[in-house]
PDB file of N, CA and C in Angstrom:
ATOM      1  N   UNK A   1     -31.576  16.238  -5.582  1.00  0.00           N
ATOM      2  CA  UNK A   1     -32.018  15.300  -4.570  1.00  0.00           C
ATOM      3  C   UNK A   1     -30.929  14.324  -4.182  1.00  0.00           C
ATOM      4  N   UNK A   2     -31.273  13.397  -3.310  1.00  0.00           N
ATOM      5  CA  UNK A   2     -30.276  12.455  -2.814  1.00  0.00           C
ATOM      6  C   UNK A   2     -29.879  11.420  -3.864  1.00  0.00           C
ATOM      7  N   UNK A   3     -30.702  11.211  -4.893  1.00  0.00           N
ATOM      8  CA  UNK A   3     -30.393  10.262  -5.952  1.00  0.00           C
ATOM      9  C   UNK A   3     -29.258  10.719  -6.840  1.00  0.00           C
ATOM     10  N   UNK A   4     -28.941  12.019  -6.803  1.00  0.00           N
ATOM     11  CA  UNK A   4     -27.914  12.585  -7.684  1.00  0.00           C
ATOM     12  C   UNK A   4     -26.543  12.670  -7.019  1.00  0.00           C
ATOM     13  N   UNK A   5     -26.364  12.077  -5.844  1.00  0.00           N
ATOM     14  CA  UNK A   5     -25.105  12.259  -5.126  1.00  0.00           C
ATOM     15  C   UNK A   5     -23.912  11.640  -5.846  1.00  0.00           C
ATOM     16  N   UNK A   6     -24.143  10.702  -6.773  1.00  0.00           N
ATOM     17  CA  UNK A   6     -23.046  10.106  -7.538  1.00  0.00           C
ATOM     18  C   UNK A   6     -22.839  10.800  -8.874  1.00  0.00           C
ATOM     19  N   UNK A   7     -23.526  11.917  -9.073  1.00  0.00           N
ATOM     20  CA  UNK A   7     -23.484  12.626 -10.348  1.00  0.00           C
ATOM     21  C   UNK A   7     -22.567  13.841 -10.242  1.00  0.00           C
ATOM     22  N   UNK A   8     -21.680  13.989 -11.229  1.00  0.00           N
ATOM     23  CA  UNK A   8     -20.793  15.154 -11.288  1.00  0.00           C
ATOM     24  C   UNK A   8     -21.092  15.876 -12.589  1.00  0.00           C
ATOM     25  N   UNK A   9     -21.262  17.186 -12.512  1.00  0.00           N
ATOM     26  CA  UNK A   9     -21.490  17.981 -13.719  1.00  0.00           C
ATOM     27  C   UNK A   9     -20.198  18.703 -14.056  1.00  0.00           C
ATOM     28  N   UNK A  10     -19.736  18.511 -15.290  1.00  0.00           N
ATOM     29  CA  UNK A  10     -18.506  19.152 -15.749  1.00  0.00           C
ATOM     30  C   UNK A  10     -18.897  20.201 -16.780  1.00  0.00           C
ATOM     31  N   UNK A  11     -18.460  21.438 -16.553  1.00  0.00           N
ATOM     32  CA  UNK A  11     -18.794  22.536 -17.462  1.00  0.00           C
ATOM     33  C   UNK A  11     -17.514  23.066 -18.076  1.00  0.00           C
ATOM     34  N   UNK A  12     -17.509  23.251 -19.382  1.00  0.00           N
ATOM     35  CA  UNK A  12     -16.328  23.774 -20.066  1.00  0.00           C
ATOM     36  C   UNK A  12     -16.380  23.405 -21.533  1.00  0.00           C
ATOM     37  N   UNK A  13     -15.268  23.654 -22.233  1.00  0.00           N
ATOM     38  CA  UNK A  13     -15.215  23.271 -23.642  1.00  0.00           C
ATOM     39  C   UNK A  13     -15.390  21.762 -23.744  1.00  0.00           C
ATOM     40  N   UNK A  14     -16.070  21.338 -24.825  1.00  0.00           N
ATOM     41  CA  UNK A  14     -16.424  19.923 -24.948  1.00  0.00           C
ATOM     42  C   UNK A  14     -15.216  18.989 -24.822  1.00  0.00           C
ATOM     43  N   UNK A  15     -14.137  19.274 -25.546  1.00  0.00           N
ATOM     44  CA  UNK A  15     -12.954  18.400 -25.514  1.00  0.00           C
ATOM     45  C   UNK A  15     -12.375  18.315 -24.096  1.00  0.00           C
ATOM     46  N   UNK A  16     -12.343  19.464 -23.407  1.00  0.00           N
ATOM     47  CA  UNK A  16     -11.821  19.493 -22.032  1.00  0.00           C
ATOM     48  C   UNK A  16     -12.748  18.737 -21.076  1.00  0.00           C
ATOM     49  N   UNK A  17     -14.060  18.903 -21.282  1.00  0.00           N
ATOM     50  CA  UNK A  17     -15.040  18.232 -20.424  1.00  0.00           C
ATOM     51  C   UNK A  17     -14.943  16.714 -20.598  1.00  0.00           C
ATOM     52  N   UNK A  18     -14.767  16.269 -21.841  1.00  0.00           N
ATOM     53  CA  UNK A  18     -14.640  14.832 -22.113  1.00  0.00           C
ATOM     54  C   UNK A  18     -13.343  14.291 -21.479  1.00  0.00           C
ATOM     55  N   UNK A  19     -12.254  15.048 -21.617  1.00  0.00           N
ATOM     56  CA  UNK A  19     -10.977  14.632 -21.020  1.00  0.00           C
ATOM     57  C   UNK A  19     -11.101  14.552 -19.495  1.00  0.00           C
ATOM     58  N   UNK A  20     -11.780  15.525 -18.903  1.00  0.00           N
ATOM     59  CA  UNK A  20     -11.981  15.534 -17.447  1.00  0.00           C
ATOM     60  C   UNK A  20     -12.827  14.329 -17.028  1.00  0.00           C
ATOM     61  N   UNK A  21     -13.901  14.051 -17.790  1.00  0.00           N
ATOM     62  CA  UNK A  21     -14.754  12.900 -17.479  1.00  0.00           C
ATOM     63  C   UNK A  21     -13.937  11.606 -17.520  1.00  0.00           C
ATOM     64  N   UNK A  22     -13.126  11.450 -18.567  1.00  0.00           N
ATOM     65  CA  UNK A  22     -12.326  10.235 -18.716  1.00  0.00           C
ATOM     66  C   UNK A  22     -11.329  10.090 -17.565  1.00  0.00           C
ATOM     67  N   UNK A  23     -10.718  11.206 -17.163  1.00  0.00           N
ATOM     68  CA  UNK A  23      -9.752  11.176 -16.058  1.00  0.00           C
ATOM     69  C   UNK A  23     -10.449  10.785 -14.749  1.00  0.00           C
ATOM     70  N   UNK A  24     -11.629  11.347 -14.507  1.00  0.00           N
ATOM     71  CA  UNK A  24     -12.394  11.035 -13.293  1.00  0.00           C
ATOM     72  C   UNK A  24     -12.813   9.567 -13.299  1.00  0.00           C
ATOM     73  N   UNK A  25     -13.275   9.071 -14.453  1.00  0.00           N
ATOM     74  CA  UNK A  25     -13.705   7.677 -14.538  1.00  0.00           C
ATOM     75  C   UNK A  25     -12.525   6.715 -14.308  1.00  0.00           C
ATOM     76  N   UNK A  26     -11.338   7.095 -14.757  1.00  0.00           N
ATOM     77  CA  UNK A  26     -10.146   6.263 -14.539  1.00  0.00           C
ATOM     78  C   UNK A  26      -9.839   6.167 -13.048  1.00  0.00           C
ATOM     79  N   UNK A  27      -9.962   7.295 -12.337  1.00  0.00           N
ATOM     80  CA  UNK A  27      -9.716   7.314 -10.892  1.00  0.00           C
ATOM     81  C   UNK A  27     -10.760   6.467 -10.169  1.00  0.00           C
ATOM     82  N   UNK A  28     -12.032   6.616 -10.568  1.00  0.00           N
ATOM     83  CA  UNK A  28     -13.119   5.847  -9.952  1.00  0.00           C
ATOM     84  C   UNK A  28     -12.873   4.349 -10.143  1.00  0.00           C
ATOM     85  N   UNK A  29     -12.496   3.975 -11.359  1.00  0.00           N
ATOM     86  CA  UNK A  29     -12.233   2.567 -11.669  1.00  0.00           C
ATOM     87  C   UNK A  29     -11.092   2.029 -10.799  1.00  0.00           C
ATOM     88  N   UNK A  30     -10.036   2.822 -10.669  1.00  0.00           N
ATOM     89  CA  UNK A  30      -8.885   2.423  -9.852  1.00  0.00           C
ATOM     90  C   UNK A  30      -9.297   2.226  -8.394  1.00  0.00           C
ATOM     91  N   UNK A  31     -10.124   3.143  -7.883  1.00  0.00           N
ATOM     92  CA  UNK A  31     -10.565   3.050  -6.488  1.00  0.00           C
ATOM     93  C   UNK A  31     -11.494   1.863  -6.271  1.00  0.00           C
ATOM     94  N   UNK A  32     -12.338   1.559  -7.273  1.00  0.00           N
ATOM     95  CA  UNK A  32     -13.251   0.422  -7.150  1.00  0.00           C
ATOM     96  C   UNK A  32     -12.492  -0.901  -7.127  1.00  0.00           C
ATOM     97  N   UNK A  33     -11.336  -0.943  -7.783  1.00  0.00           N
ATOM     98  CA  UNK A  33     -10.544  -2.172  -7.846  1.00  0.00           C
ATOM     99  C   UNK A  33      -9.543  -2.291  -6.696  1.00  0.00           C
ATOM    100  N   UNK A  34      -9.588  -1.351  -5.768  1.00  0.00           N
ATOM    101  CA  UNK A  34      -8.643  -1.316  -4.659  1.00  0.00           C
ATOM    102  C   UNK A  34      -9.012  -2.372  -3.612  1.00  0.00           C
ATOM    103  N   UNK A  35      -8.002  -3.096  -3.153  1.00  0.00           N
ATOM    104  CA  UNK A  35      -8.220  -4.081  -2.096  1.00  0.00           C
ATOM    105  C   UNK A  35      -7.289  -3.766  -0.933  1.00  0.00           C
ATOM    106  N   UNK A  36      -7.639  -4.312   0.213  1.00  0.00           N
ATOM    107  CA  UNK A  36      -6.823  -4.126   1.404  1.00  0.00           C
ATOM    108  C   UNK A  36      -6.554  -5.504   1.986  1.00  0.00           C
ATOM    109  N   UNK A  37      -5.286  -5.789   2.253  1.00  0.00           N
ATOM    110  CA  UNK A  37      -4.953  -7.105   2.793  1.00  0.00           C
ATOM    111  C   UNK A  37      -4.024  -6.959   3.991  1.00  0.00           C
ATOM    112  N   UNK A  38      -4.340  -7.700   5.052  1.00  0.00           N
ATOM    113  CA  UNK A  38      -3.511  -7.689   6.255  1.00  0.00           C
ATOM    114  C   UNK A  38      -2.522  -8.844   6.165  1.00  0.00           C
ATOM    115  N   UNK A  39      -1.285  -8.570   6.534  1.00  0.00           N
ATOM    116  CA  UNK A  39      -0.249  -9.604   6.527  1.00  0.00           C
ATOM    117  C   UNK A  39       0.501  -9.526   7.857  1.00  0.00           C
ATOM    118  N   UNK A  40       0.805 -10.695   8.416  1.00  0.00           N
ATOM    119  CA  UNK A  40       1.512 -10.747   9.704  1.00  0.00           C
ATOM    120  C   UNK A  40       3.019 -10.725   9.458  1.00  0.00           C
ATOM    121  N   UNK A  41       3.661  -9.664   9.955  1.00  0.00           N
ATOM    122  CA  UNK A  41       5.114  -9.536   9.830  1.00  0.00           C
ATOM    123  C   UNK A  41       5.680  -9.219  11.210  1.00  0.00           C
ATOM    124  N   UNK A  42       6.656  -9.994  11.647  1.00  0.00           N
ATOM    125  CA  UNK A  42       7.227  -9.854  12.988  1.00  0.00           C
ATOM    126  C   UNK A  42       7.579  -8.395  13.285  1.00  0.00           C
ATOM    127  N   UNK A  43       7.044  -7.880  14.380  1.00  0.00           N
ATOM    128  CA  UNK A  43       7.229  -6.462  14.727  1.00  0.00           C
ATOM    129  C   UNK A  43       8.700  -6.098  14.956  1.00  0.00           C
ATOM    130  N   UNK A  44       9.551  -7.089  15.248  1.00  0.00           N
ATOM    131  CA  UNK A  44      10.964  -6.805  15.486  1.00  0.00           C
ATOM    132  C   UNK A  44      11.669  -6.271  14.245  1.00  0.00           C
ATOM    133  N   UNK A  45      11.094  -6.522  13.065  1.00  0.00           N
ATOM    134  CA  UNK A  45      11.760  -6.040  11.849  1.00  0.00           C
ATOM    135  C   UNK A  45      11.017  -4.875  11.184  1.00  0.00           C
ATOM    136  N   UNK A  46       9.938  -4.380  11.811  1.00  0.00           N
ATOM    137  CA  UNK A  46       9.202  -3.255  11.229  1.00  0.00           C
ATOM    138  C   UNK A  46      10.102  -2.053  10.988  1.00  0.00           C
ATOM    139  N   UNK A  47      10.922  -1.719  11.990  1.00  0.00           N
ATOM    140  CA  UNK A  47      11.800  -0.548  11.862  1.00  0.00           C
ATOM    141  C   UNK A  47      12.747  -0.707  10.673  1.00  0.00           C
ATOM    142  N   UNK A  48      13.245  -1.909  10.485  1.00  0.00           N
ATOM    143  CA  UNK A  48      14.166  -2.158   9.366  1.00  0.00           C
ATOM    144  C   UNK A  48      13.435  -2.066   8.028  1.00  0.00           C
ATOM    145  N   UNK A  49      12.204  -2.572   7.981  1.00  0.00           N
ATOM    146  CA  UNK A  49      11.408  -2.465   6.750  1.00  0.00           C
ATOM    147  C   UNK A  49      11.113  -1.003   6.407  1.00  0.00           C
ATOM    148  N   UNK A  50      10.792  -0.231   7.442  1.00  0.00           N
ATOM    149  CA  UNK A  50      10.443   1.176   7.228  1.00  0.00           C
ATOM    150  C   UNK A  50      11.677   1.976   6.824  1.00  0.00           C
ATOM    151  N   UNK A  51      12.793   1.719   7.480  1.00  0.00           N
ATOM    152  CA  UNK A  51      14.029   2.420   7.139  1.00  0.00           C
ATOM    153  C   UNK A  51      14.089   3.804   7.745  1.00  0.00           C
ATOM    154  N   UNK A  52      15.248   4.437   7.557  1.00  0.00           N
ATOM    155  CA  UNK A  52      15.456   5.774   8.114  1.00  0.00           C
ATOM    156  C   UNK A  52      14.513   6.765   7.432  1.00  0.00           C
ATOM    157  N   UNK A  53      13.710   7.465   8.230  1.00  0.00           N
ATOM    158  CA  UNK A  53      12.727   8.434   7.742  1.00  0.00           C
ATOM    159  C   UNK A  53      11.775   7.830   6.709  1.00  0.00           C
ATOM    160  N   UNK A  54      11.551   6.516   6.791  1.00  0.00           N
ATOM    161  CA  UNK A  54      10.602   5.864   5.885  1.00  0.00           C
ATOM    162  C   UNK A  54      11.125   5.602   4.487  1.00  0.00           C
ATOM    163  N   UNK A  55      12.438   5.739   4.305  1.00  0.00           N
ATOM    164  CA  UNK A  55      13.045   5.614   2.980  1.00  0.00           C
ATOM    165  C   UNK A  55      12.773   4.250   2.327  1.00  0.00           C
ATOM    166  N   UNK A  56      13.002   3.169   3.079  1.00  0.00           N
ATOM    167  CA  UNK A  56      12.820   1.826   2.521  1.00  0.00           C
ATOM    168  C   UNK A  56      11.373   1.554   2.127  1.00  0.00           C
ATOM    169  N   UNK A  57      10.455   1.885   3.039  1.00  0.00           N
ATOM    170  CA  UNK A  57       9.050   1.559   2.789  1.00  0.00           C
ATOM    171  C   UNK A  57       8.496   2.408   1.641  1.00  0.00           C
ATOM    172  N   UNK A  58       8.974   3.653   1.511  1.00  0.00           N
ATOM    173  CA  UNK A  58       8.527   4.498   0.384  1.00  0.00           C
ATOM    174  C   UNK A  58       8.946   3.880  -0.942  1.00  0.00           C
ATOM    175  N   UNK A  59      10.176   3.342  -0.996  1.00  0.00           N
ATOM    176  CA  UNK A  59      10.651   2.682  -2.221  1.00  0.00           C
ATOM    177  C   UNK A  59       9.763   1.495  -2.574  1.00  0.00           C
ATOM    178  N   UNK A  60       9.417   0.698  -1.558  1.00  0.00           N
ATOM    179  CA  UNK A  60       8.566  -0.479  -1.776  1.00  0.00           C
ATOM    180  C   UNK A  60       7.177  -0.045  -2.245  1.00  0.00           C
ATOM    181  N   UNK A  61       6.610   0.989  -1.608  1.00  0.00           N
ATOM    182  CA  UNK A  61       5.274   1.471  -1.993  1.00  0.00           C
ATOM    183  C   UNK A  61       5.288   1.990  -3.429  1.00  0.00           C
ATOM    184  N   UNK A  62       6.353   2.696  -3.805  1.00  0.00           N
ATOM    185  CA  UNK A  62       6.465   3.197  -5.182  1.00  0.00           C
ATOM    186  C   UNK A  62       6.618   2.049  -6.173  1.00  0.00           C
ATOM    187  N   UNK A  63       7.473   1.098  -5.833  1.00  0.00           N
ATOM    188  CA  UNK A  63       7.742  -0.041  -6.724  1.00  0.00           C
ATOM    189  C   UNK A  63       6.465  -0.827  -7.028  1.00  0.00           C
ATOM    190  N   UNK A  64       5.631  -1.052  -6.009  1.00  0.00           N
ATOM    191  CA  UNK A  64       4.434  -1.880  -6.171  1.00  0.00           C
ATOM    192  C   UNK A  64       3.141  -1.067  -6.316  1.00  0.00           C
ATOM    193  N   UNK A  65       3.242   0.266  -6.290  1.00  0.00           N
ATOM    194  CA  UNK A  65       2.055   1.150  -6.379  1.00  0.00           C
ATOM    195  C   UNK A  65       0.990   0.767  -5.343  1.00  0.00           C
ATOM    196  N   UNK A  66       1.411   0.681  -4.087  1.00  0.00           N
ATOM    197  CA  UNK A  66       0.503   0.333  -2.990  1.00  0.00           C
ATOM    198  C   UNK A  66       0.729   1.284  -1.814  1.00  0.00           C
ATOM    199  N   UNK A  67      -0.196   1.258  -0.864  1.00  0.00           N
ATOM    200  CA  UNK A  67      -0.015   1.953   0.408  1.00  0.00           C
ATOM    201  C   UNK A  67       0.195   0.876   1.465  1.00  0.00           C
ATOM    202  N   UNK A  68       1.149   1.096   2.349  1.00  0.00           N
ATOM    203  CA  UNK A  68       1.436   0.132   3.411  1.00  0.00           C
ATOM    204  C   UNK A  68       1.340   0.859   4.745  1.00  0.00           C
ATOM    205  N   UNK A  69       0.570   0.287   5.678  1.00  0.00           N
ATOM    206  CA  UNK A  69       0.482   0.889   7.004  1.00  0.00           C
ATOM    207  C   UNK A  69       0.891  -0.131   8.062  1.00  0.00           C
ATOM    208  N   UNK A  70       1.626   0.371   9.039  1.00  0.00           N
ATOM    209  CA  UNK A  70       2.102  -0.448  10.146  1.00  0.00           C
ATOM    210  C   UNK A  70       1.246  -0.148  11.363  1.00  0.00           C
ATOM    211  N   UNK A  71       1.154  -1.100  12.313  1.00  0.00           N
ATOM    212  CA  UNK A  71       0.356  -0.842  13.519  1.00  0.00           C
ATOM    213  C   UNK A  71       0.954   0.323  14.303  1.00  0.00           C
ATOM    214  N   UNK A  72       0.114   1.123  14.906  1.00  0.00           N
ATOM    215  CA  UNK A  72       0.584   2.261  15.692  1.00  0.00           C
ATOM    216  C   UNK A  72       1.348   1.801  16.912  1.00  0.00           C
ATOM    217  N   UNK A  73       2.280   2.609  17.352  1.00  0.00           N
ATOM    218  CA  UNK A  73       3.073   2.248  18.528  1.00  0.00           C
ATOM    219  C   UNK A  73       3.967   1.064  18.226  1.00  0.00           C
ATOM    220  N   UNK A  74       4.328   0.330  19.247  1.00  0.00           N
ATOM    221  CA  UNK A  74       5.249  -0.797  19.069  1.00  0.00           C
ATOM    222  C   UNK A  74       4.518  -2.138  19.099  1.00  0.00           C
ATOM    223  N   UNK A  75       3.178  -2.088  19.150  1.00  0.00           N
ATOM    224  CA  UNK A  75       2.455  -3.343  19.353  1.00  0.00           C
ATOM    225  C   UNK A  75       1.888  -3.897  18.053  1.00  0.00           C
ATOM    226  N   UNK A  76       1.866  -5.201  17.959  1.00  0.00           N
ATOM    227  CA  UNK A  76       1.214  -5.872  16.847  1.00  0.00           C
ATOM    228  C   UNK A  76       2.117  -6.153  15.673  1.00  0.00           C
ATOM    229  N   UNK A  77       1.792  -7.230  14.968  1.00  0.00           N
ATOM    230  CA  UNK A  77       2.557  -7.647  13.799  1.00  0.00           C
ATOM    231  C   UNK A  77       1.797  -7.382  12.501  1.00  0.00           C
ATOM    232  N   UNK A  78       0.554  -6.911  12.591  1.00  0.00           N
ATOM    233  CA  UNK A  78      -0.289  -6.798  11.406  1.00  0.00           C
ATOM    234  C   UNK A  78       0.032  -5.558  10.579  1.00  0.00           C
ATOM    235  N   UNK A  79       0.487  -5.811   9.349  1.00  0.00           N
ATOM    236  CA  UNK A  79       0.797  -4.752   8.389  1.00  0.00           C
ATOM    237  C   UNK A  79      -0.284  -4.803   7.314  1.00  0.00           C
ATOM    238  N   UNK A  80      -0.802  -3.639   6.917  1.00  0.00           N
ATOM    239  CA  UNK A  80      -1.871  -3.594   5.918  1.00  0.00           C
ATOM    240  C   UNK A  80      -1.340  -3.047   4.604  1.00  0.00           C
ATOM    241  N   UNK A  81      -1.665  -3.760   3.518  1.00  0.00           N
ATOM    242  CA  UNK A  81      -1.256  -3.343   2.177  1.00  0.00           C
ATOM    243  C   UNK A  81      -2.522  -3.024   1.389  1.00  0.00           C
ATOM    244  N   UNK A  82      -2.550  -1.843   0.762  1.00  0.00           N
ATOM    245  CA  UNK A  82      -3.708  -1.445  -0.049  1.00  0.00           C
ATOM    246  C   UNK A  82      -3.279  -1.082  -1.451  1.00  0.00           C
ATOM    247  N   UNK A  83      -4.078  -1.493  -2.426  1.00  0.00           N
ATOM    248  CA  UNK A  83      -3.809  -1.190  -3.822  1.00  0.00           C
ATOM    249  C   UNK A  83      -4.614  -2.125  -4.694  1.00  0.00           C
ATOM    250  N   UNK A  84      -4.248  -2.240  -5.986  1.00  0.00           N
ATOM    251  CA  UNK A  84      -4.997  -3.205  -6.782  1.00  0.00           C
ATOM    252  C   UNK A  84      -4.515  -4.610  -6.432  1.00  0.00           C
ATOM    253  N   UNK A  85      -5.389  -5.595  -6.668  1.00  0.00           N
ATOM    254  CA  UNK A  85      -5.176  -6.977  -6.219  1.00  0.00           C
ATOM    255  C   UNK A  85      -3.794  -7.525  -6.583  1.00  0.00           C
ATOM    256  N   UNK A  86      -3.412  -7.386  -7.843  1.00  0.00           N
ATOM    257  CA  UNK A  86      -2.145  -7.946  -8.317  1.00  0.00           C
ATOM    258  C   UNK A  86      -0.952  -7.310  -7.593  1.00  0.00           C
ATOM    259  N   UNK A  87      -0.959  -5.980  -7.481  1.00  0.00           N
ATOM    260  CA  UNK A  87       0.133  -5.270  -6.812  1.00  0.00           C
ATOM    261  C   UNK A  87       0.220  -5.645  -5.332  1.00  0.00           C
ATOM    262  N   UNK A  88      -0.953  -5.774  -4.693  1.00  0.00           N
ATOM    263  CA  UNK A  88      -0.990  -6.134  -3.273  1.00  0.00           C
ATOM    264  C   UNK A  88      -0.375  -7.521  -3.078  1.00  0.00           C
ATOM    265  N   UNK A  89      -0.732  -8.469  -3.947  1.00  0.00           N
ATOM    266  CA  UNK A  89      -0.192  -9.830  -3.852  1.00  0.00           C
ATOM    267  C   UNK A  89       1.332  -9.835  -4.015  1.00  0.00           C
ATOM    268  N   UNK A  90       1.816  -9.115  -5.054  1.00  0.00           N
ATOM    269  CA  UNK A  90       3.258  -9.063  -5.316  1.00  0.00           C
ATOM    270  C   UNK A  90       4.002  -8.416  -4.157  1.00  0.00           C
ATOM    271  N   UNK A  91       3.432  -7.344  -3.620  1.00  0.00           N
ATOM    272  CA  UNK A  91       4.061  -6.642  -2.501  1.00  0.00           C
ATOM    273  C   UNK A  91       4.081  -7.528  -1.263  1.00  0.00           C
ATOM    274  N   UNK A  92       2.989  -8.254  -1.023  1.00  0.00           N
ATOM    275  CA  UNK A  92       2.913  -9.154   0.132  1.00  0.00           C
ATOM    276  C   UNK A  92       4.022 -10.202   0.060  1.00  0.00           C
ATOM    277  N   UNK A  93       4.199 -10.813  -1.112  1.00  0.00           N
ATOM    278  CA  UNK A  93       5.261 -11.807  -1.297  1.00  0.00           C
ATOM    279  C   UNK A  93       6.627 -11.187  -1.014  1.00  0.00           C
ATOM    280  N   UNK A  94       6.827  -9.972  -1.542  1.00  0.00           N
ATOM    281  CA  UNK A  94       8.101  -9.272  -1.350  1.00  0.00           C
ATOM    282  C   UNK A  94       8.366  -9.018   0.140  1.00  0.00           C
ATOM    283  N   UNK A  95       7.352  -8.527   0.856  1.00  0.00           N
ATOM    284  CA  UNK A  95       7.514  -8.241   2.288  1.00  0.00           C
ATOM    285  C   UNK A  95       7.799  -9.516   3.076  1.00  0.00           C
ATOM    286  N   UNK A  96       7.129 -10.609   2.720  1.00  0.00           N
ATOM    287  CA  UNK A  96       7.359 -11.872   3.427  1.00  0.00           C
ATOM    288  C   UNK A  96       8.765 -12.412   3.165  1.00  0.00           C
ATOM    289  N   UNK A  97       9.267 -12.207   1.949  1.00  0.00           N
ATOM    290  CA  UNK A  97      10.653 -12.602   1.637  1.00  0.00           C
ATOM    291  C   UNK A  97      11.639 -11.770   2.464  1.00  0.00           C
ATOM    292  N   UNK A  98      11.379 -10.449   2.526  1.00  0.00           N
ATOM    293  CA  UNK A  98      12.242  -9.579   3.328  1.00  0.00           C
ATOM    294  C   UNK A  98      12.196  -9.980   4.797  1.00  0.00           C
ATOM    295  N   UNK A  99      10.985 -10.315   5.280  1.00  0.00           N
ATOM    296  CA  UNK A  99      10.844 -10.714   6.679  1.00  0.00           C
ATOM    297  C   UNK A  99      11.724 -11.938   6.960  1.00  0.00           C
ATOM    298  N   UNK A 100      11.669 -12.911   6.074  1.00  0.00           N
ATOM    299  CA  UNK A 100      12.457 -14.135   6.253  1.00  0.00           C
ATOM    300  C   UNK A 100      13.949 -13.806   6.304  1.00  0.00           C
ATOM    301  N   UNK A 101      14.377 -12.968   5.360  1.00  0.00           N
ATOM    302  CA  UNK A 101      15.773 -12.540   5.264  1.00  0.00           C
ATOM    303  C   UNK A 101      16.211 -11.809   6.547  1.00  0.00           C
ATOM    304  N   UNK A 102      15.400 -10.817   6.968  1.00  0.00           N
ATOM    305  CA  UNK A 102      15.735 -10.016   8.138  1.00  0.00           C
ATOM    306  C   UNK A 102      15.669 -10.837   9.422  1.00  0.00           C
ATOM    307  N   UNK A 103      14.684 -11.742   9.513  1.00  0.00           N
ATOM    308  CA  UNK A 103      14.552 -12.556  10.730  1.00  0.00           C
ATOM    309  C   UNK A 103      15.732 -13.505  10.865  1.00  0.00           C
ATOM    310  N   UNK A 104      16.234 -14.024   9.749  1.00  0.00           N
ATOM    311  CA  UNK A 104      17.431 -14.864   9.797  1.00  0.00           C
ATOM    312  C   UNK A 104      18.571 -14.085  10.452  1.00  0.00           C
ATOM    313  N   UNK A 105      18.726 -12.827  10.042  1.00  0.00           N
ATOM    314  CA  UNK A 105      19.783 -11.973  10.601  1.00  0.00           C
ATOM    315  C   UNK A 105      19.545 -11.712  12.084  1.00  0.00           C
ATOM    316  N   UNK A 106      18.286 -11.451  12.474  1.00  0.00           N
ATOM    317  CA  UNK A 106      17.954 -11.195  13.885  1.00  0.00           C
ATOM    318  C   UNK A 106      18.269 -12.429  14.720  1.00  0.00           C
ATOM    319  N   UNK A 107      17.854 -13.594  14.227  1.00  0.00           N
ATOM    320  CA  UNK A 107      18.070 -14.843  14.987  1.00  0.00           C
ATOM    321  C   UNK A 107      19.558 -15.201  15.071  1.00  0.00           C
ATOM    322  N   UNK A 108      20.311 -14.913  14.008  1.00  0.00           N
ATOM    323  CA  UNK A 108      21.766 -15.152  14.037  1.00  0.00           C
ATOM    324  C   UNK A 108      22.411 -14.301  15.114  1.00  0.00           C
ATOM    325  N   UNK A 109      21.979 -13.025  15.204  1.00  0.00           N
ATOM    326  CA  UNK A 109      22.531 -12.118  16.203  1.00  0.00           C
ATOM    327  C   UNK A 109      22.198 -12.608  17.618  1.00  0.00           C
ATOM    328  N   UNK A 110      20.983 -13.127  17.790  1.00  0.00           N
ATOM    329  CA  UNK A 110      20.581 -13.628  19.111  1.00  0.00           C
ATOM    330  C   UNK A 110      21.421 -14.842  19.510  1.00  0.00           C
ATOM    331  N   UNK A 111      21.761 -15.680  18.511  1.00  0.00           N
ATOM    332  CA  UNK A 111      22.575 -16.867  18.800  1.00  0.00           C
ATOM    333  C   UNK A 111      24.005 -16.478  19.200  1.00  0.00           C
ATOM    334  N   UNK A 112      24.490 -15.373  18.638  1.00  0.00           N
ATOM    335  CA  UNK A 112      25.866 -14.923  18.929  1.00  0.00           C
ATOM    336  C   UNK A 112      25.998 -14.428  20.361  1.00  0.00           C
ATOM    337  N   UNK A 113      24.913 -13.929  20.923  1.00  0.00           N
ATOM    338  CA  UNK A 113      24.949 -13.341  22.266  1.00  0.00           C
ATOM    339  C   UNK A 113      25.151 -14.385  23.336  1.00  0.00           C
TER     340      UNK A 113
END
């Protein structure tokens, strides 16, 4: 029935079934603790944050164990960070520090022109 939709039946040797249950419960726990936070980062530096073929942003996502999504197209400053609360907070601080650093460089270049 519809009441059983959250129920998973694991069939196999007892030790393997218990290991599978524990692995599934760990994933469920991780997903339940997942948060999503939007942060405003100047769109002029998105390309620099992402890097060539996404190299920079992949390093950041790996370092902080988070997913980061940028607004589609060239519009908007809102970047979304997803992961557990602590990692999301640390990553947000890191991105804001990078933004400050990169924007200083952008503004210096504009002054030179």
